Protein backbone atom coordinates (compact mmCIF):
# COMPACT_ATOMS: atom_id res chain seq x y z
CA MET A 1 -7.25 31.66 11.52
CA GLN A 2 -8.24 31.34 7.87
CA LEU A 3 -9.19 27.95 6.41
CA ILE A 4 -8.29 27.84 2.72
CA THR A 5 -9.22 25.06 0.32
CA THR A 6 -8.27 26.40 -3.11
CA ILE A 7 -4.91 27.18 -4.68
CA ALA A 8 -6.05 30.59 -5.86
CA ALA A 9 -7.21 31.61 -2.38
CA MET A 10 -3.95 30.39 -0.82
CA ARG A 11 -1.92 32.46 -3.25
CA THR A 12 -4.06 35.52 -2.57
CA ALA A 13 -3.71 35.13 1.21
CA ARG A 14 0.03 34.61 0.98
CA ALA A 15 0.63 37.63 -1.27
CA ASP A 16 0.60 40.18 1.55
CA VAL A 17 2.96 38.23 3.86
CA ALA A 18 6.67 39.04 3.76
CA ASN A 19 7.95 36.23 6.00
CA LEU A 20 5.93 33.02 6.05
CA GLY A 21 6.69 29.85 7.96
CA PHE A 22 5.13 26.65 6.64
CA VAL A 23 4.44 23.27 8.23
CA PRO A 24 3.25 20.64 5.71
CA THR A 25 1.28 17.82 7.35
CA MET A 26 -1.08 14.98 6.56
CA GLY A 27 -3.24 15.95 9.51
CA TYR A 28 -4.26 14.02 12.62
CA LEU A 29 -1.93 16.36 14.43
CA HIS A 30 0.11 15.61 17.53
CA GLU A 31 2.62 17.46 19.69
CA GLY A 32 5.37 16.87 17.14
CA HIS A 33 3.47 18.86 14.54
CA LEU A 34 2.53 21.53 17.05
CA SER A 35 6.16 21.99 18.10
CA LEU A 36 6.98 22.76 14.47
CA VAL A 37 4.09 25.23 14.34
CA ARG A 38 5.39 27.02 17.44
CA ARG A 39 8.89 27.24 16.02
CA ALA A 40 7.56 28.56 12.69
CA LYS A 41 5.48 31.15 14.54
CA ALA A 42 8.42 32.25 16.67
CA GLU A 43 10.85 32.53 13.77
CA CYS A 44 8.58 33.86 11.02
CA GLY A 45 5.68 35.60 12.76
CA CYS A 46 3.14 34.31 10.26
CA VAL A 47 2.55 30.57 9.78
CA ALA A 48 0.65 28.38 7.35
CA VAL A 49 -0.09 24.70 7.89
CA SER A 50 -1.22 22.35 5.15
CA ILE A 51 -3.43 19.34 5.83
CA PHE A 52 -3.42 16.94 2.90
CA VAL A 53 -3.23 13.14 2.93
CA ASN A 54 -1.16 12.71 -0.21
CA PRO A 55 -2.30 9.70 -2.25
CA THR A 56 0.81 9.52 -4.43
CA GLN A 57 3.13 8.57 -1.56
CA PHE A 58 1.10 5.47 -0.65
CA ARG A 59 1.45 2.13 -2.42
CA PRO A 60 -1.75 0.19 -3.29
CA ASN A 61 -1.33 -2.13 -0.28
CA GLU A 62 -0.66 0.65 2.22
CA ASP A 63 -2.97 2.54 4.54
CA PHE A 64 -4.15 5.53 2.50
CA GLY A 65 -7.81 4.66 2.97
CA ARG A 66 -7.59 4.24 6.73
CA TYR A 67 -4.98 6.88 7.49
CA PRO A 68 -6.38 8.78 10.50
CA ARG A 69 -8.25 11.96 9.62
CA ASP A 70 -10.03 14.47 11.86
CA LEU A 71 -10.08 17.94 10.33
CA GLU A 72 -12.23 19.55 13.03
CA ARG A 73 -9.88 18.34 15.75
CA ASP A 74 -6.87 19.56 13.77
CA LEU A 75 -8.39 22.99 13.21
CA ALA A 76 -9.09 23.39 16.92
CA LEU A 77 -5.48 22.53 17.76
CA LEU A 78 -4.15 24.96 15.17
CA ALA A 79 -6.47 27.75 16.26
CA ALA A 80 -5.11 27.37 19.78
CA GLU A 81 -1.61 27.92 18.36
CA ALA A 82 -2.69 31.12 16.55
CA VAL A 83 -1.96 29.70 13.11
CA ASP A 84 -2.70 32.23 10.40
CA PHE A 85 -3.61 30.00 7.45
CA VAL A 86 -4.64 26.35 7.12
CA PHE A 87 -4.45 25.07 3.56
CA ALA A 88 -6.63 21.95 3.24
CA PRO A 89 -7.16 21.21 -0.46
CA ASP A 90 -8.84 18.12 -1.86
CA ALA A 91 -7.01 15.66 -4.11
CA ALA A 92 -8.56 17.09 -7.27
CA ALA A 93 -6.99 20.48 -6.55
CA ILE A 94 -3.50 19.02 -6.15
CA TYR A 95 -3.80 16.34 -8.83
CA PRO A 96 -6.29 17.60 -11.44
CA GLU A 97 -7.43 15.47 -14.33
CA GLY A 98 -4.55 14.91 -16.75
CA PHE A 99 -1.85 15.43 -14.11
CA GLY A 100 1.35 13.69 -15.21
CA THR A 101 4.43 15.52 -13.92
CA TYR A 102 6.42 14.10 -11.00
CA VAL A 103 9.61 15.04 -9.15
CA VAL A 104 11.84 11.97 -9.20
CA LEU A 105 15.05 11.54 -7.22
CA PRO A 106 16.24 8.09 -8.40
CA ALA A 107 18.78 7.58 -5.62
CA ALA A 108 16.04 7.96 -2.98
CA ASP A 109 14.52 4.65 -4.07
CA GLU A 110 17.75 2.72 -3.63
CA PHE A 111 17.92 2.45 0.16
CA LEU A 112 16.03 2.61 3.47
CA GLU A 113 12.45 3.87 3.10
CA GLY A 114 12.85 4.23 -0.65
CA ALA A 115 13.80 0.59 -1.11
CA ALA A 116 11.03 -0.56 1.23
CA ARG A 117 8.37 1.69 -0.35
CA PRO A 118 8.99 2.09 -4.10
CA ASN A 119 7.89 5.48 -5.49
CA HIS A 120 7.13 6.76 -2.00
CA PHE A 121 9.62 9.61 -2.34
CA ARG A 122 8.43 10.42 -5.84
CA GLY A 123 5.09 11.20 -4.20
CA VAL A 124 6.68 13.08 -1.32
CA ALA A 125 8.94 15.23 -3.49
CA THR A 126 6.12 15.98 -5.93
CA VAL A 127 3.59 17.09 -3.32
CA VAL A 128 6.15 19.12 -1.36
CA CYS A 129 7.29 20.83 -4.54
CA LYS A 130 3.68 21.66 -5.41
CA LEU A 131 2.96 22.92 -1.90
CA PHE A 132 6.08 25.09 -1.95
CA ASN A 133 5.00 26.56 -5.29
CA ILE A 134 1.51 27.27 -3.96
CA VAL A 135 2.36 28.55 -0.48
CA GLN A 136 5.76 30.08 -1.34
CA PRO A 137 7.08 29.88 2.23
CA THR A 138 10.18 31.61 3.50
CA ARG A 139 10.94 28.61 5.70
CA ALA A 140 9.42 25.14 5.85
CA TYR A 141 9.60 22.96 8.96
CA PHE A 142 10.02 19.18 9.12
CA GLY A 143 10.70 16.69 11.91
CA GLN A 144 13.86 14.61 12.26
CA LYS A 145 11.78 11.44 12.70
CA ASP A 146 11.29 11.36 8.93
CA ALA A 147 15.01 11.75 8.34
CA GLN A 148 15.13 10.46 4.77
CA GLN A 149 12.21 12.69 3.82
CA SER A 150 14.19 15.69 5.03
CA VAL A 151 17.21 14.65 2.96
CA VAL A 152 14.99 14.24 -0.12
CA VAL A 153 13.28 17.61 0.36
CA ARG A 154 16.59 19.39 0.87
CA GLN A 155 17.97 17.88 -2.33
CA MET A 156 14.82 18.79 -4.25
CA VAL A 157 15.04 22.38 -3.01
CA ARG A 158 18.72 22.57 -3.90
CA ASP A 159 18.40 20.94 -7.33
CA LEU A 160 15.37 22.97 -8.41
CA ASN A 161 16.51 26.28 -6.87
CA VAL A 162 13.40 26.56 -4.71
CA PRO A 163 13.70 29.76 -2.62
CA THR A 164 12.61 28.12 0.63
CA GLU A 165 14.82 27.35 3.63
CA VAL A 166 14.25 23.83 4.97
CA VAL A 167 14.40 23.59 8.77
CA VAL A 168 14.62 20.17 10.45
CA ALA A 169 13.65 20.04 14.12
CA PRO A 170 14.40 17.26 16.65
CA THR A 171 12.02 14.32 16.99
CA VAL A 172 9.35 14.85 19.64
CA ARG A 173 8.76 11.81 21.82
CA GLU A 174 6.25 10.48 24.30
CA ALA A 175 7.38 10.28 27.93
CA ASP A 176 8.50 6.67 27.38
CA GLY A 177 10.56 7.53 24.30
CA LEU A 178 8.23 6.46 21.50
CA ALA A 179 8.51 8.89 18.60
CA MET A 180 5.24 10.72 18.10
CA SER A 181 3.43 9.66 14.94
CA SER A 182 -0.13 9.74 13.67
CA ARG A 183 0.20 6.01 13.01
CA ASN A 184 0.69 5.33 16.73
CA SER A 185 -3.10 5.53 16.90
CA TYR A 186 -3.20 2.14 15.15
CA LEU A 187 -1.45 0.40 18.07
CA SER A 188 -3.42 -1.77 20.45
CA PRO A 189 -2.78 -1.20 24.18
CA ALA A 190 -0.51 -4.28 24.25
CA GLU A 191 1.41 -3.10 21.20
CA ARG A 192 1.71 0.41 22.61
CA ALA A 193 3.37 -1.06 25.70
CA ILE A 194 5.96 -2.82 23.49
CA ALA A 195 6.64 0.07 21.10
CA PRO A 196 9.08 2.02 23.35
CA THR A 197 11.55 -0.84 22.88
CA ILE A 198 12.34 0.72 19.49
CA TYR A 199 13.75 3.84 21.12
CA GLN A 200 15.44 1.80 23.83
CA ALA A 201 17.25 -0.17 21.13
CA LEU A 202 18.44 3.03 19.48
CA VAL A 203 19.65 4.38 22.83
CA ALA A 204 21.55 1.12 23.52
CA ALA A 205 23.41 1.51 20.23
CA GLN A 206 24.00 5.20 20.94
CA ALA A 207 25.54 4.32 24.31
CA CYS A 208 27.86 1.87 22.55
CA TYR A 209 28.90 4.64 20.15
CA GLN A 210 29.45 7.09 23.00
CA ALA A 211 31.68 4.48 24.67
CA GLY A 212 33.95 4.59 21.61
CA GLU A 213 32.58 1.96 19.21
CA ARG A 214 32.87 3.04 15.58
CA ASP A 215 32.19 -0.20 13.72
CA ALA A 216 28.77 0.15 12.09
CA ALA A 217 28.06 -3.59 12.10
CA THR A 218 28.66 -3.76 15.85
CA LEU A 219 26.33 -0.83 16.50
CA LYS A 220 23.61 -2.37 14.34
CA ALA A 221 24.06 -5.71 16.11
CA THR A 222 23.62 -3.97 19.47
CA LEU A 223 20.39 -2.42 18.26
CA SER A 224 19.17 -5.69 16.78
CA ALA A 225 19.86 -7.61 19.98
CA ARG A 226 17.75 -5.20 22.01
CA LEU A 227 14.88 -5.47 19.54
CA ALA A 228 15.09 -9.26 19.69
CA ALA A 229 14.06 -9.10 23.35
CA GLU A 230 10.55 -8.33 22.05
CA PRO A 231 9.59 -11.02 19.49
CA ALA A 232 6.58 -8.96 18.40
CA LEU A 233 8.97 -6.41 16.85
CA GLN A 234 9.92 -7.52 13.34
CA PRO A 235 12.68 -5.33 11.82
CA GLU A 236 12.46 -4.43 8.13
CA TYR A 237 15.83 -2.71 8.09
CA ILE A 238 18.48 -1.41 10.47
CA SER A 239 20.87 1.19 9.11
CA ALA A 240 23.95 3.17 10.12
CA ALA A 241 24.35 5.71 7.33
CA ASP A 242 26.03 8.96 6.46
CA PRO A 243 23.67 11.64 7.80
CA LEU A 244 23.84 13.72 4.61
CA THR A 245 23.87 11.10 1.83
CA LEU A 246 22.27 8.17 3.74
CA HIS A 247 24.83 5.82 2.20
CA GLU A 248 25.58 2.90 4.50
CA LEU A 249 28.78 3.14 6.53
CA THR A 250 31.18 0.42 7.59
CA THR A 251 33.14 2.70 9.93
CA ILE A 252 31.75 5.85 11.47
CA GLY A 253 34.03 8.82 11.00
CA PRO A 254 33.95 12.46 12.10
CA GLN A 255 30.72 13.06 10.18
CA GLY A 256 28.85 10.80 12.61
CA ALA A 257 25.96 8.64 11.46
CA LEU A 258 22.22 8.38 11.22
CA LEU A 259 21.13 5.22 13.01
CA SER A 260 17.67 4.34 11.75
CA LEU A 261 15.24 1.46 11.52
CA ALA A 262 11.80 0.38 10.42
CA VAL A 263 9.92 -2.32 12.30
CA ARG A 264 6.58 -4.07 12.10
CA LEU A 265 4.54 -4.34 15.26
CA GLY A 266 1.44 -6.31 14.43
CA SER A 267 -0.06 -4.57 11.40
CA VAL A 268 1.69 -1.27 12.16
CA ARG A 269 4.92 -0.12 10.53
CA LEU A 270 6.99 2.24 12.69
CA ILE A 271 10.19 4.16 11.91
CA ASP A 272 12.64 5.97 14.14
CA ASN A 273 16.22 7.21 14.20
CA LEU A 274 18.95 8.86 16.24
CA LEU A 275 21.84 10.97 15.08
CA LEU A 276 25.20 9.76 16.37
CA VAL A 277 27.47 12.78 16.73
């Protein structure tokens, strides 16, 4: 496994690879990341993983400074998966002095995570675009947990004619249903015991849908009622949206829906979703 920290070295390493799978991460890896690595390895043969905590997708009051980091641990996990390249640049390499060009998808800021975190997706789209230009992957792998991120990246790739196939893999969960996330490390033991209620609420709404309910407001109310059983869970939004456009639905048609939510649990903000098909 080759650890690479400069853009020039990454481009040199990539030049001799015909079919490269890529998993962009912010590090502090968990089984969700590793499942993407395994799929990339199986489908592409050669795999690169980036580790970069991207400052431009955090607002001033968010957790950039305390976001969990452990490069040595991450490298050991990736070596065990036979990763070929790890690209771990510093911020100055990605955003050199005088940097001023951003990828902006205005509609992304109008709803869900975009409305809750202004300019978040400007930062996401910009860093992913830069990473794609540097690594030049054949395929790039993302998790369904960050559903809106996947929609944004796919649009960016389509709009800018980026020659990379975007692959979205199912959310990987703990045994009790909690979606794996690096931010789960922030939870206290008491909060960790409450957190699976988020998935239970999604499953309750999914069961309602599978029983024939197609009214979006009813499904969201079912989800909300289950969350309300745990007063420590404070919802920021609950959504039933078109899975491709993320526009809110009133009635769920043949296209199905993305049922998603963001909640506060103590000082921790958690997101999750299920596809209703």
